[in-house]
PDB file of N, CA and C in Angstrom:
ATOM      1  N   UNK A   1     -42.720   1.866   9.014  1.00  0.00           N
ATOM      2  CA  UNK A   1     -43.473   1.367   7.929  1.00  0.00           C
ATOM      3  C   UNK A   1     -43.396   0.185   7.892  1.00  0.00           C
ATOM      4  N   UNK A   2     -43.726  -1.332   7.319  1.00  0.00           N
ATOM      5  CA  UNK A   2     -43.659  -2.274   7.410  1.00  0.00           C
ATOM      6  C   UNK A   2     -42.423  -2.283   6.622  1.00  0.00           C
ATOM      7  N   UNK A   3     -42.540  -1.358   5.446  1.00  0.00           N
ATOM      8  CA  UNK A   3     -41.438  -2.252   4.075  1.00  0.00           C
ATOM      9  C   UNK A   3     -40.322  -1.921   4.660  1.00  0.00           C
ATOM     10  N   UNK A   4     -39.940  -0.830   5.642  1.00  0.00           N
ATOM     11  CA  UNK A   4     -38.939  -0.099   5.571  1.00  0.00           C
ATOM     12  C   UNK A   4     -37.916  -1.122   7.072  1.00  0.00           C
ATOM     13  N   UNK A   5     -39.521  -2.432   7.646  1.00  0.00           N
ATOM     14  CA  UNK A   5     -38.661  -3.432   8.221  1.00  0.00           C
ATOM     15  C   UNK A   5     -38.166  -4.343   8.194  1.00  0.00           C
ATOM     16  N   UNK A   6     -38.324  -4.614   6.602  1.00  0.00           N
ATOM     17  CA  UNK A   6     -38.579  -6.397   6.168  1.00  0.00           C
ATOM     18  C   UNK A   6     -37.870  -6.740   4.779  1.00  0.00           C
ATOM     19  N   UNK A   7     -37.109  -7.287   4.344  1.00  0.00           N
ATOM     20  CA  UNK A   7     -36.519  -7.724   3.402  1.00  0.00           C
ATOM     21  C   UNK A   7     -36.931  -7.386   2.081  1.00  0.00           C
ATOM     22  N   UNK A   8     -38.606  -8.164   2.442  1.00  0.00           N
ATOM     23  CA  UNK A   8     -39.931  -8.126   1.360  1.00  0.00           C
ATOM     24  C   UNK A   8     -39.637  -6.983   0.713  1.00  0.00           C
ATOM     25  N   UNK A   9     -40.264  -7.250  -0.685  1.00  0.00           N
ATOM     26  CA  UNK A   9     -41.116  -6.192  -0.977  1.00  0.00           C
ATOM     27  C   UNK A   9     -42.671  -7.092  -0.629  1.00  0.00           C
ATOM     28  N   UNK A  10     -43.543  -4.858  -0.344  1.00  0.00           N
ATOM     29  CA  UNK A  10     -44.730  -5.203   0.324  1.00  0.00           C
ATOM     30  C   UNK A  10     -45.201  -5.047  -1.166  1.00  0.00           C
ATOM     31  N   UNK A  11     -46.555  -5.959  -1.625  1.00  0.00           N
ATOM     32  CA  UNK A  11     -47.415  -6.029  -2.557  1.00  0.00           C
ATOM     33  C   UNK A  11     -48.737  -5.540  -2.121  1.00  0.00           C
ATOM     34  N   UNK A  12     -49.769  -4.928  -1.688  1.00  0.00           N
ATOM     35  CA  UNK A  12     -51.277  -4.810  -1.735  1.00  0.00           C
ATOM     36  C   UNK A  12     -51.969  -3.781  -2.733  1.00  0.00           C
ATOM     37  N   UNK A  13     -53.444  -4.386  -3.056  1.00  0.00           N
ATOM     38  CA  UNK A  13     -54.503  -3.812  -3.512  1.00  0.00           C
ATOM     39  C   UNK A  13     -55.090  -4.396  -4.830  1.00  0.00           C
ATOM     40  N   UNK A  14     -55.698  -6.027  -3.875  1.00  0.00           N
ATOM     41  CA  UNK A  14     -56.243  -6.356  -5.050  1.00  0.00           C
ATOM     42  C   UNK A  14     -57.340  -6.139  -4.787  1.00  0.00           C
ATOM     43  N   UNK A  15     -58.176  -5.273  -3.636  1.00  0.00           N
ATOM     44  CA  UNK A  15     -59.368  -5.662  -3.537  1.00  0.00           C
ATOM     45  C   UNK A  15     -59.584  -4.029  -3.454  1.00  0.00           C
ATOM     46  N   UNK A  16     -59.409  -3.294  -4.059  1.00  0.00           N
ATOM     47  CA  UNK A  16     -59.152  -1.424  -4.245  1.00  0.00           C
ATOM     48  C   UNK A  16     -59.806  -1.557  -5.563  1.00  0.00           C
ATOM     49  N   UNK A  17     -60.440  -0.433  -6.104  1.00  0.00           N
ATOM     50  CA  UNK A  17     -61.405  -0.211  -6.914  1.00  0.00           C
ATOM     51  C   UNK A  17     -60.932   0.599  -7.942  1.00  0.00           C
ATOM     52  N   UNK A  18     -60.524   1.734  -7.466  1.00  0.00           N
ATOM     53  CA  UNK A  18     -59.773   3.221  -8.066  1.00  0.00           C
ATOM     54  C   UNK A  18     -58.489   3.545  -7.773  1.00  0.00           C
ATOM     55  N   UNK A  19     -58.778   4.944  -8.325  1.00  0.00           N
ATOM     56  CA  UNK A  19     -57.366   4.920  -8.282  1.00  0.00           C
ATOM     57  C   UNK A  19     -57.053   5.755  -7.034  1.00  0.00           C
ATOM     58  N   UNK A  20     -58.310   6.227  -6.214  1.00  0.00           N
ATOM     59  CA  UNK A  20     -58.433   6.972  -5.225  1.00  0.00           C
ATOM     60  C   UNK A  20     -58.395   6.046  -3.469  1.00  0.00           C
ATOM     61  N   UNK A  21     -58.505   4.915  -4.588  1.00  0.00           N
ATOM     62  CA  UNK A  21     -58.472   3.895  -3.367  1.00  0.00           C
ATOM     63  C   UNK A  21     -56.537   3.408  -3.327  1.00  0.00           C
ATOM     64  N   UNK A  22     -55.709   3.659  -4.178  1.00  0.00           N
ATOM     65  CA  UNK A  22     -54.766   3.845  -4.181  1.00  0.00           C
ATOM     66  C   UNK A  22     -53.742   4.359  -3.222  1.00  0.00           C
ATOM     67  N   UNK A  23     -54.271   5.971  -3.955  1.00  0.00           N
ATOM     68  CA  UNK A  23     -53.696   6.942  -3.454  1.00  0.00           C
ATOM     69  C   UNK A  23     -53.295   6.825  -2.127  1.00  0.00           C
ATOM     70  N   UNK A  24     -54.129   6.580  -0.250  1.00  0.00           N
ATOM     71  CA  UNK A  24     -53.712   6.279   0.558  1.00  0.00           C
ATOM     72  C   UNK A  24     -51.819   5.557   0.419  1.00  0.00           C
ATOM     73  N   UNK A  25     -52.058   4.142  -0.864  1.00  0.00           N
ATOM     74  CA  UNK A  25     -50.799   3.375  -0.130  1.00  0.00           C
ATOM     75  C   UNK A  25     -50.116   4.042  -0.720  1.00  0.00           C
ATOM     76  N   UNK A  26     -49.959   4.704  -1.943  1.00  0.00           N
ATOM     77  CA  UNK A  26     -49.160   5.643  -1.715  1.00  0.00           C
ATOM     78  C   UNK A  26     -48.231   6.789  -1.527  1.00  0.00           C
ATOM     79  N   UNK A  27     -49.490   7.607  -1.489  1.00  0.00           N
ATOM     80  CA  UNK A  27     -49.136   8.568  -0.905  1.00  0.00           C
ATOM     81  C   UNK A  27     -48.311   8.247   1.126  1.00  0.00           C
ATOM     82  N   UNK A  28     -48.777   7.581   1.643  1.00  0.00           N
ATOM     83  CA  UNK A  28     -47.604   7.380   2.571  1.00  0.00           C
ATOM     84  C   UNK A  28     -46.368   6.120   2.241  1.00  0.00           C
ATOM     85  N   UNK A  29     -46.268   5.179   1.814  1.00  0.00           N
ATOM     86  CA  UNK A  29     -45.125   4.808   0.749  1.00  0.00           C
ATOM     87  C   UNK A  29     -45.568   3.920   1.639  1.00  0.00           C
ATOM     88  N   UNK A  30     -46.431   2.971   1.540  1.00  0.00           N
ATOM     89  CA  UNK A  30     -46.728   1.871   1.816  1.00  0.00           C
ATOM     90  C   UNK A  30     -46.499   0.814   0.682  1.00  0.00           C
ATOM     91  N   UNK A  31     -46.639   0.617  -0.211  1.00  0.00           N
ATOM     92  CA  UNK A  31     -46.130  -0.365  -0.657  1.00  0.00           C
ATOM     93  C   UNK A  31     -45.008  -0.179  -1.551  1.00  0.00           C
ATOM     94  N   UNK A  32     -45.028  -1.251  -1.950  1.00  0.00           N
ATOM     95  CA  UNK A  32     -42.954  -1.033  -2.849  1.00  0.00           C
ATOM     96  C   UNK A  32     -43.472  -1.722  -4.167  1.00  0.00           C
ATOM     97  N   UNK A  33     -44.920  -2.443  -4.423  1.00  0.00           N
ATOM     98  CA  UNK A  33     -45.513  -3.152  -5.710  1.00  0.00           C
ATOM     99  C   UNK A  33     -46.980  -2.899  -5.824  1.00  0.00           C
ATOM    100  N   UNK A  34     -47.634  -2.357  -6.114  1.00  0.00           N
ATOM    101  CA  UNK A  34     -48.998  -2.129  -6.731  1.00  0.00           C
ATOM    102  C   UNK A  34     -49.845  -3.421  -7.391  1.00  0.00           C
ATOM    103  N   UNK A  35     -50.661  -3.943  -6.649  1.00  0.00           N
ATOM    104  CA  UNK A  35     -51.775  -5.196  -7.438  1.00  0.00           C
ATOM    105  C   UNK A  35     -53.055  -5.194  -7.127  1.00  0.00           C
ATOM    106  N   UNK A  36     -53.383  -5.038  -8.727  1.00  0.00           N
ATOM    107  CA  UNK A  36     -54.454  -4.517  -9.603  1.00  0.00           C
ATOM    108  C   UNK A  36     -55.111  -5.673  -9.817  1.00  0.00           C
ATOM    109  N   UNK A  37     -56.800  -5.648 -10.174  1.00  0.00           N
ATOM    110  CA  UNK A  37     -57.066  -6.385  -9.806  1.00  0.00           C
ATOM    111  C   UNK A  37     -58.438  -5.657 -11.384  1.00  0.00           C
ATOM    112  N   UNK A  38     -58.419  -6.540 -12.671  1.00  0.00           N
ATOM    113  CA  UNK A  38     -59.241  -5.674 -13.432  1.00  0.00           C
ATOM    114  C   UNK A  38     -60.749  -6.105 -13.291  1.00  0.00           C
ATOM    115  N   UNK A  39     -60.606  -6.611 -11.871  1.00  0.00           N
ATOM    116  CA  UNK A  39     -62.110  -7.964 -12.394  1.00  0.00           C
ATOM    117  C   UNK A  39     -62.954  -6.772 -11.162  1.00  0.00           C
ATOM    118  N   UNK A  40     -61.613  -6.087 -10.370  1.00  0.00           N
ATOM    119  CA  UNK A  40     -62.438  -4.821  -9.236  1.00  0.00           C
ATOM    120  C   UNK A  40     -62.541  -3.468 -10.453  1.00  0.00           C
ATOM    121  N   UNK A  41     -61.217  -2.820 -10.987  1.00  0.00           N
ATOM    122  CA  UNK A  41     -61.273  -1.975 -11.562  1.00  0.00           C
ATOM    123  C   UNK A  41     -61.816  -1.997 -13.017  1.00  0.00           C
ATOM    124  N   UNK A  42     -62.518  -2.852 -13.882  1.00  0.00           N
ATOM    125  CA  UNK A  42     -62.573  -2.770 -15.123  1.00  0.00           C
ATOM    126  C   UNK A  42     -61.015  -2.317 -16.071  1.00  0.00           C
ATOM    127  N   UNK A  43     -60.906  -2.515 -16.888  1.00  0.00           N
ATOM    128  CA  UNK A  43     -60.330  -2.106 -17.934  1.00  0.00           C
ATOM    129  C   UNK A  43     -59.021  -1.398 -18.165  1.00  0.00           C
ATOM    130  N   UNK A  44     -59.997   0.724 -17.890  1.00  0.00           N
ATOM    131  CA  UNK A  44     -59.630   1.791 -17.898  1.00  0.00           C
ATOM    132  C   UNK A  44     -59.657   1.899 -16.109  1.00  0.00           C
ATOM    133  N   UNK A  45     -59.967   1.262 -15.337  1.00  0.00           N
ATOM    134  CA  UNK A  45     -59.168   1.823 -14.011  1.00  0.00           C
ATOM    135  C   UNK A  45     -58.154   0.828 -13.663  1.00  0.00           C
ATOM    136  N   UNK A  46     -57.402  -0.283 -14.566  1.00  0.00           N
ATOM    137  CA  UNK A  46     -56.524  -1.071 -14.469  1.00  0.00           C
ATOM    138  C   UNK A  46     -55.424   0.155 -15.350  1.00  0.00           C
ATOM    139  N   UNK A  47     -55.772   0.234 -16.173  1.00  0.00           N
ATOM    140  CA  UNK A  47     -54.609   1.378 -17.112  1.00  0.00           C
ATOM    141  C   UNK A  47     -54.972   3.037 -16.337  1.00  0.00           C
ATOM    142  N   UNK A  48     -55.942   3.325 -15.483  1.00  0.00           N
ATOM    143  CA  UNK A  48     -55.222   4.968 -14.564  1.00  0.00           C
ATOM    144  C   UNK A  48     -54.466   4.296 -13.557  1.00  0.00           C
ATOM    145  N   UNK A  49     -54.530   3.140 -12.723  1.00  0.00           N
ATOM    146  CA  UNK A  49     -54.242   3.358 -11.577  1.00  0.00           C
ATOM    147  C   UNK A  49     -52.427   2.700 -12.111  1.00  0.00           C
ATOM    148  N   UNK A  50     -52.091   2.268 -13.104  1.00  0.00           N
ATOM    149  CA  UNK A  50     -50.939   1.896 -13.545  1.00  0.00           C
ATOM    150  C   UNK A  50     -50.318   3.336 -14.381  1.00  0.00           C
ATOM    151  N   UNK A  51     -50.925   4.042 -14.825  1.00  0.00           N
ATOM    152  CA  UNK A  51     -50.672   5.559 -14.770  1.00  0.00           C
ATOM    153  C   UNK A  51     -50.303   5.635 -13.477  1.00  0.00           C
ATOM    154  N   UNK A  52     -50.994   6.304 -12.723  1.00  0.00           N
ATOM    155  CA  UNK A  52     -50.795   7.043 -11.592  1.00  0.00           C
ATOM    156  C   UNK A  52     -49.782   6.276 -10.622  1.00  0.00           C
ATOM    157  N   UNK A  53     -49.680   5.195 -10.659  1.00  0.00           N
ATOM    158  CA  UNK A  53     -47.945   4.119 -10.168  1.00  0.00           C
ATOM    159  C   UNK A  53     -46.983   4.315 -11.353  1.00  0.00           C
ATOM    160  N   UNK A  54     -47.278   4.819 -12.277  1.00  0.00           N
ATOM    161  CA  UNK A  54     -45.787   5.050 -12.714  1.00  0.00           C
ATOM    162  C   UNK A  54     -45.271   6.193 -12.389  1.00  0.00           C
ATOM    163  N   UNK A  55     -46.113   7.009 -12.140  1.00  0.00           N
ATOM    164  CA  UNK A  55     -46.403   8.836 -12.171  1.00  0.00           C
ATOM    165  C   UNK A  55     -44.847   8.522 -10.998  1.00  0.00           C
ATOM    166  N   UNK A  56     -44.613   7.899 -10.075  1.00  0.00           N
ATOM    167  CA  UNK A  56     -44.300   7.404  -9.059  1.00  0.00           C
ATOM    168  C   UNK A  56     -43.357   6.287  -9.151  1.00  0.00           C
ATOM    169  N   UNK A  57     -43.304   5.392  -9.900  1.00  0.00           N
ATOM    170  CA  UNK A  57     -42.060   5.115 -10.369  1.00  0.00           C
ATOM    171  C   UNK A  57     -42.255   3.441  -9.410  1.00  0.00           C
ATOM    172  N   UNK A  58     -43.537   2.927  -9.669  1.00  0.00           N
ATOM    173  CA  UNK A  58     -44.032   1.919  -8.767  1.00  0.00           C
ATOM    174  C   UNK A  58     -44.235   1.144  -9.755  1.00  0.00           C
ATOM    175  N   UNK A  59     -43.419  -0.275  -9.562  1.00  0.00           N
ATOM    176  CA  UNK A  59     -44.125  -1.743 -10.740  1.00  0.00           C
ATOM    177  C   UNK A  59     -45.355  -1.840 -10.295  1.00  0.00           C
ATOM    178  N   UNK A  60     -46.433  -2.376 -11.073  1.00  0.00           N
ATOM    179  CA  UNK A  60     -47.851  -2.689 -11.128  1.00  0.00           C
ATOM    180  C   UNK A  60     -47.874  -4.538 -11.830  1.00  0.00           C
ATOM    181  N   UNK A  61     -48.347  -5.117 -10.596  1.00  0.00           N
ATOM    182  CA  UNK A  61     -49.023  -6.361 -10.982  1.00  0.00           C
ATOM    183  C   UNK A  61     -50.292  -7.058 -11.289  1.00  0.00           C
ATOM    184  N   UNK A  62     -50.453  -7.573 -12.187  1.00  0.00           N
ATOM    185  CA  UNK A  62     -52.479  -7.491 -12.083  1.00  0.00           C
ATOM    186  C   UNK A  62     -53.219  -9.377 -12.126  1.00  0.00           C
ATOM    187  N   UNK A  63     -53.589  -9.729 -11.196  1.00  0.00           N
ATOM    188  CA  UNK A  63     -53.852 -10.626 -10.890  1.00  0.00           C
ATOM    189  C   UNK A  63     -55.620 -10.592 -11.361  1.00  0.00           C
ATOM    190  N   UNK A  64     -56.647 -11.850 -10.483  1.00  0.00           N
ATOM    191  CA  UNK A  64     -57.707 -11.861 -10.167  1.00  0.00           C
ATOM    192  C   UNK A  64     -58.206 -12.199 -11.588  1.00  0.00           C
ATOM    193  N   UNK A  65     -57.973 -12.656 -12.453  1.00  0.00           N
ATOM    194  CA  UNK A  65     -58.790 -12.323 -14.196  1.00  0.00           C
ATOM    195  C   UNK A  65     -58.314 -13.513 -14.438  1.00  0.00           C
ATOM    196  N   UNK A  66     -58.871 -13.903 -15.360  1.00  0.00           N
ATOM    197  CA  UNK A  66     -58.080 -15.053 -17.043  1.00  0.00           C
ATOM    198  C   UNK A  66     -56.972 -13.862 -17.757  1.00  0.00           C
ATOM    199  N   UNK A  67     -55.941 -15.340 -18.086  1.00  0.00           N
ATOM    200  CA  UNK A  67     -54.581 -14.231 -18.261  1.00  0.00           C
ATOM    201  C   UNK A  67     -54.634 -14.397 -19.885  1.00  0.00           C
ATOM    202  N   UNK A  68     -55.101 -14.408 -21.035  1.00  0.00           N
ATOM    203  CA  UNK A  68     -55.087 -14.122 -21.456  1.00  0.00           C
ATOM    204  C   UNK A  68     -55.653 -12.244 -21.745  1.00  0.00           C
ATOM    205  N   UNK A  69     -56.749 -12.292 -20.591  1.00  0.00           N
ATOM    206  CA  UNK A  69     -57.235 -10.790 -20.939  1.00  0.00           C
ATOM    207  C   UNK A  69     -56.908  -9.414 -20.154  1.00  0.00           C
ATOM    208  N   UNK A  70     -56.044 -10.088 -19.433  1.00  0.00           N
ATOM    209  CA  UNK A  70     -54.980  -9.206 -18.441  1.00  0.00           C
ATOM    210  C   UNK A  70     -53.890  -9.120 -19.219  1.00  0.00           C
ATOM    211  N   UNK A  71     -53.107 -10.307 -19.984  1.00  0.00           N
ATOM    212  CA  UNK A  71     -51.711  -9.882 -20.831  1.00  0.00           C
ATOM    213  C   UNK A  71     -52.160  -9.261 -21.702  1.00  0.00           C
ATOM    214  N   UNK A  72     -53.283  -8.657 -22.670  1.00  0.00           N
ATOM    215  CA  UNK A  72     -53.596  -7.417 -23.254  1.00  0.00           C
ATOM    216  C   UNK A  72     -53.336  -5.715 -22.828  1.00  0.00           C
ATOM    217  N   UNK A  73     -54.072  -5.945 -21.376  1.00  0.00           N
ATOM    218  CA  UNK A  73     -54.363  -4.725 -21.072  1.00  0.00           C
ATOM    219  C   UNK A  73     -52.518  -4.103 -20.342  1.00  0.00           C
ATOM    220  N   UNK A  74     -52.181  -5.388 -20.259  1.00  0.00           N
ATOM    221  CA  UNK A  74     -50.635  -4.978 -19.553  1.00  0.00           C
ATOM    222  C   UNK A  74     -49.466  -4.484 -20.161  1.00  0.00           C
ATOM    223  N   UNK A  75     -49.736  -5.086 -21.700  1.00  0.00           N
ATOM    224  CA  UNK A  75     -49.026  -4.921 -22.637  1.00  0.00           C
ATOM    225  C   UNK A  75     -49.056  -2.779 -22.313  1.00  0.00           C
ATOM    226  N   UNK A  76     -50.503  -2.721 -21.932  1.00  0.00           N
ATOM    227  CA  UNK A  76     -49.966  -1.057 -22.383  1.00  0.00           C
ATOM    228  C   UNK A  76     -49.789  -0.189 -21.336  1.00  0.00           C
ATOM    229  N   UNK A  77     -49.275  -1.467 -20.322  1.00  0.00           N
ATOM    230  CA  UNK A  77     -49.337  -0.855 -18.542  1.00  0.00           C
ATOM    231  C   UNK A  77     -47.089  -0.596 -18.801  1.00  0.00           C
ATOM    232  N   UNK A  78     -46.488  -0.138 -18.859  1.00  0.00           N
ATOM    233  CA  UNK A  78     -45.229   0.236 -18.805  1.00  0.00           C
ATOM    234  C   UNK A  78     -44.083  -0.156 -17.426  1.00  0.00           C
ATOM    235  N   UNK A  79     -45.202  -0.495 -16.678  1.00  0.00           N
ATOM    236  CA  UNK A  79     -44.689  -0.402 -15.068  1.00  0.00           C
ATOM    237  C   UNK A  79     -45.022  -1.598 -14.789  1.00  0.00           C
ATOM    238  N   UNK A  80     -45.654  -2.429 -15.908  1.00  0.00           N
ATOM    239  CA  UNK A  80     -46.100  -4.247 -14.670  1.00  0.00           C
ATOM    240  C   UNK A  80     -45.236  -4.577 -15.375  1.00  0.00           C
ATOM    241  N   UNK A  81     -44.603  -5.780 -13.835  1.00  0.00           N
ATOM    242  CA  UNK A  81     -43.836  -6.595 -14.061  1.00  0.00           C
ATOM    243  C   UNK A  81     -44.071  -7.841 -14.326  1.00  0.00           C
ATOM    244  N   UNK A  82     -45.863  -8.610 -13.950  1.00  0.00           N
ATOM    245  CA  UNK A  82     -46.129  -9.692 -13.383  1.00  0.00           C
ATOM    246  C   UNK A  82     -47.343  -9.790 -14.106  1.00  0.00           C
ATOM    247  N   UNK A  83     -48.500 -10.891 -13.925  1.00  0.00           N
ATOM    248  CA  UNK A  83     -49.792 -11.307 -14.152  1.00  0.00           C
ATOM    249  C   UNK A  83     -49.978 -13.041 -13.694  1.00  0.00           C
ATOM    250  N   UNK A  84     -51.043 -12.285 -12.625  1.00  0.00           N
ATOM    251  CA  UNK A  84     -50.920 -13.912 -12.203  1.00  0.00           C
ATOM    252  C   UNK A  84     -51.597 -14.417 -13.165  1.00  0.00           C
ATOM    253  N   UNK A  85     -52.187 -15.661 -13.683  1.00  0.00           N
ATOM    254  CA  UNK A  85     -52.873 -16.677 -14.353  1.00  0.00           C
ATOM    255  C   UNK A  85     -53.750 -17.206 -13.572  1.00  0.00           C
ATOM    256  N   UNK A  86     -55.567 -17.305 -13.261  1.00  0.00           N
ATOM    257  CA  UNK A  86     -56.413 -18.125 -12.815  1.00  0.00           C
ATOM    258  C   UNK A  86     -55.998 -19.244 -13.136  1.00  0.00           C
ATOM    259  N   UNK A  87     -56.151 -20.191 -11.765  1.00  0.00           N
ATOM    260  CA  UNK A  87     -56.295 -21.274 -12.117  1.00  0.00           C
ATOM    261  C   UNK A  87     -57.826 -21.531 -11.543  1.00  0.00           C
ATOM    262  N   UNK A  88     -58.528 -23.133 -11.793  1.00  0.00           N
ATOM    263  CA  UNK A  88     -58.233 -24.420 -12.497  1.00  0.00           C
ATOM    264  C   UNK A  88     -58.554 -23.545 -14.112  1.00  0.00           C
ATOM    265  N   UNK A  89     -58.300 -24.657 -15.056  1.00  0.00           N
ATOM    266  CA  UNK A  89     -58.533 -24.222 -15.965  1.00  0.00           C
ATOM    267  C   UNK A  89     -57.731 -22.981 -17.282  1.00  0.00           C
ATOM    268  N   UNK A  90     -56.629 -23.002 -16.642  1.00  0.00           N
ATOM    269  CA  UNK A  90     -56.064 -22.460 -17.233  1.00  0.00           C
ATOM    270  C   UNK A  90     -55.898 -22.145 -19.272  1.00  0.00           C
ATOM    271  N   UNK A  91     -55.864 -23.802 -19.402  1.00  0.00           N
ATOM    272  CA  UNK A  91     -55.576 -23.989 -20.319  1.00  0.00           C
ATOM    273  C   UNK A  91     -57.248 -23.637 -21.404  1.00  0.00           C
ATOM    274  N   UNK A  92     -57.987 -23.782 -21.096  1.00  0.00           N
ATOM    275  CA  UNK A  92     -58.975 -22.839 -20.680  1.00  0.00           C
ATOM    276  C   UNK A  92     -59.386 -21.758 -21.233  1.00  0.00           C
ATOM    277  N   UNK A  93     -58.784 -20.852 -20.605  1.00  0.00           N
ATOM    278  CA  UNK A  93     -58.600 -19.974 -21.033  1.00  0.00           C
ATOM    279  C   UNK A  93     -58.157 -19.327 -22.005  1.00  0.00           C
ATOM    280  N   UNK A  94     -57.022 -20.122 -22.338  1.00  0.00           N
ATOM    281  CA  UNK A  94     -55.963 -19.535 -23.583  1.00  0.00           C
ATOM    282  C   UNK A  94     -56.798 -20.436 -24.792  1.00  0.00           C
ATOM    283  N   UNK A  95     -57.791 -21.252 -25.229  1.00  0.00           N
ATOM    284  CA  UNK A  95     -57.941 -22.367 -25.516  1.00  0.00           C
ATOM    285  C   UNK A  95     -58.679 -21.397 -27.188  1.00  0.00           C
ATOM    286  N   UNK A  96     -59.517 -20.180 -27.593  1.00  0.00           N
ATOM    287  CA  UNK A  96     -60.039 -19.687 -27.609  1.00  0.00           C
ATOM    288  C   UNK A  96     -59.138 -18.576 -28.772  1.00  0.00           C
ATOM    289  N   UNK A  97     -57.880 -18.063 -28.274  1.00  0.00           N
ATOM    290  CA  UNK A  97     -56.996 -17.370 -28.536  1.00  0.00           C
ATOM    291  C   UNK A  97     -55.782 -17.643 -28.832  1.00  0.00           C
ATOM    292  N   UNK A  98     -55.792 -17.500 -29.942  1.00  0.00           N
ATOM    293  CA  UNK A  98     -53.705 -17.575 -30.356  1.00  0.00           C
ATOM    294  C   UNK A  98     -52.957 -17.288 -29.611  1.00  0.00           C
ATOM    295  N   UNK A  99     -53.017 -16.599 -28.333  1.00  0.00           N
ATOM    296  CA  UNK A  99     -52.271 -16.374 -27.116  1.00  0.00           C
ATOM    297  C   UNK A  99     -51.639 -17.911 -26.977  1.00  0.00           C
ATOM    298  N   UNK A 100     -50.442 -17.446 -26.468  1.00  0.00           N
ATOM    299  CA  UNK A 100     -49.708 -18.878 -25.687  1.00  0.00           C
ATOM    300  C   UNK A 100     -48.126 -18.378 -24.738  1.00  0.00           C
ATOM    301  N   UNK A 101     -48.445 -20.262 -23.546  1.00  0.00           N
ATOM    302  CA  UNK A 101     -47.349 -19.577 -22.224  1.00  0.00           C
ATOM    303  C   UNK A 101     -46.542 -20.393 -22.950  1.00  0.00           C
ATOM    304  N   UNK A 102     -44.623 -19.559 -22.359  1.00  0.00           N
ATOM    305  CA  UNK A 102     -43.899 -20.373 -23.220  1.00  0.00           C
ATOM    306  C   UNK A 102     -42.941 -20.167 -21.877  1.00  0.00           C
ATOM    307  N   UNK A 103     -42.122 -20.374 -21.286  1.00  0.00           N
ATOM    308  CA  UNK A 103     -41.276 -20.096 -20.677  1.00  0.00           C
ATOM    309  C   UNK A 103     -41.851 -19.466 -19.656  1.00  0.00           C
ATOM    310  N   UNK A 104     -43.022 -19.126 -19.043  1.00  0.00           N
ATOM    311  CA  UNK A 104     -43.543 -18.654 -18.117  1.00  0.00           C
ATOM    312  C   UNK A 104     -43.723 -17.261 -18.290  1.00  0.00           C
ATOM    313  N   UNK A 105     -44.067 -16.982 -20.311  1.00  0.00           N
ATOM    314  CA  UNK A 105     -44.057 -15.499 -20.916  1.00  0.00           C
ATOM    315  C   UNK A 105     -44.864 -15.859 -21.943  1.00  0.00           C
ATOM    316  N   UNK A 106     -46.615 -14.989 -21.663  1.00  0.00           N
ATOM    317  CA  UNK A 106     -47.429 -15.035 -22.539  1.00  0.00           C
ATOM    318  C   UNK A 106     -47.197 -14.857 -23.398  1.00  0.00           C
ATOM    319  N   UNK A 107     -47.024 -14.984 -25.700  1.00  0.00           N
ATOM    320  CA  UNK A 107     -46.871 -14.688 -26.469  1.00  0.00           C
ATOM    321  C   UNK A 107     -48.153 -14.100 -26.832  1.00  0.00           C
ATOM    322  N   UNK A 108     -48.348 -12.576 -26.919  1.00  0.00           N
ATOM    323  CA  UNK A 108     -49.560 -12.331 -28.279  1.00  0.00           C
ATOM    324  C   UNK A 108     -49.721 -12.207 -28.743  1.00  0.00           C
ATOM    325  N   UNK A 109     -50.900 -12.677 -29.842  1.00  0.00           N
ATOM    326  CA  UNK A 109     -50.985 -13.216 -31.124  1.00  0.00           C
ATOM    327  C   UNK A 109     -50.825 -10.713 -31.879  1.00  0.00           C
ATOM    328  N   UNK A 110     -50.734 -11.974 -32.844  1.00  0.00           N
ATOM    329  CA  UNK A 110     -50.438  -9.773 -33.438  1.00  0.00           C
ATOM    330  C   UNK A 110     -51.026  -9.554 -34.292  1.00  0.00           C
ATOM    331  N   UNK A 111     -52.274 -10.117 -34.258  1.00  0.00           N
ATOM    332  CA  UNK A 111     -53.757 -10.229 -34.920  1.00  0.00           C
ATOM    333  C   UNK A 111     -54.692  -8.412 -34.006  1.00  0.00           C
ATOM    334  N   UNK A 112     -55.157  -7.981 -34.514  1.00  0.00           N
ATOM    335  CA  UNK A 112     -55.865  -6.580 -33.854  1.00  0.00           C
ATOM    336  C   UNK A 112     -56.436  -6.970 -32.908  1.00  0.00           C
ATOM    337  N   UNK A 113     -57.064  -6.276 -32.144  1.00  0.00           N
ATOM    338  CA  UNK A 113     -58.131  -6.997 -30.760  1.00  0.00           C
ATOM    339  C   UNK A 113     -57.562  -7.498 -29.982  1.00  0.00           C
ATOM    340  N   UNK A 114     -58.679  -8.301 -29.268  1.00  0.00           N
ATOM    341  CA  UNK A 114     -58.366  -9.149 -28.138  1.00  0.00           C
ATOM    342  C   UNK A 114     -58.902 -10.645 -28.127  1.00  0.00           C
ATOM    343  N   UNK A 115     -58.325 -11.164 -29.387  1.00  0.00           N
ATOM    344  CA  UNK A 115     -58.627 -12.562 -29.987  1.00  0.00           C
ATOM    345  C   UNK A 115     -60.196 -12.205 -30.066  1.00  0.00           C
ATOM    346  N   UNK A 116     -60.451 -13.722 -30.968  1.00  0.00           N
ATOM    347  CA  UNK A 116     -61.403 -13.813 -31.779  1.00  0.00           C
ATOM    348  C   UNK A 116     -62.785 -14.575 -30.328  1.00  0.00           C
TER     349      UNK A 116
END
């Protein structure tokens, strides 16, 4: 295994779509972190993959989507550890939302739903 022979954590999965696609990575212990794209898997798929990873005590990162969208989903995934915010236009991605980025963390609004 690659992860057995290097000190860095191995992350993979950004081009995969559903739990079945992620299963071989987990079953073969080929990754340390699952990197999931809501663009590929959608909200439901991302949550299913997150729950699947949680059962195996694997952390999940989210990527490839505007940050406010992923930030809302990430709150429902207990093993979520990091989120990629796509540029250019990070500021525009947050301009219609009440969420804000401070010290590298997204602070979500406390109103219902995903914002205006």
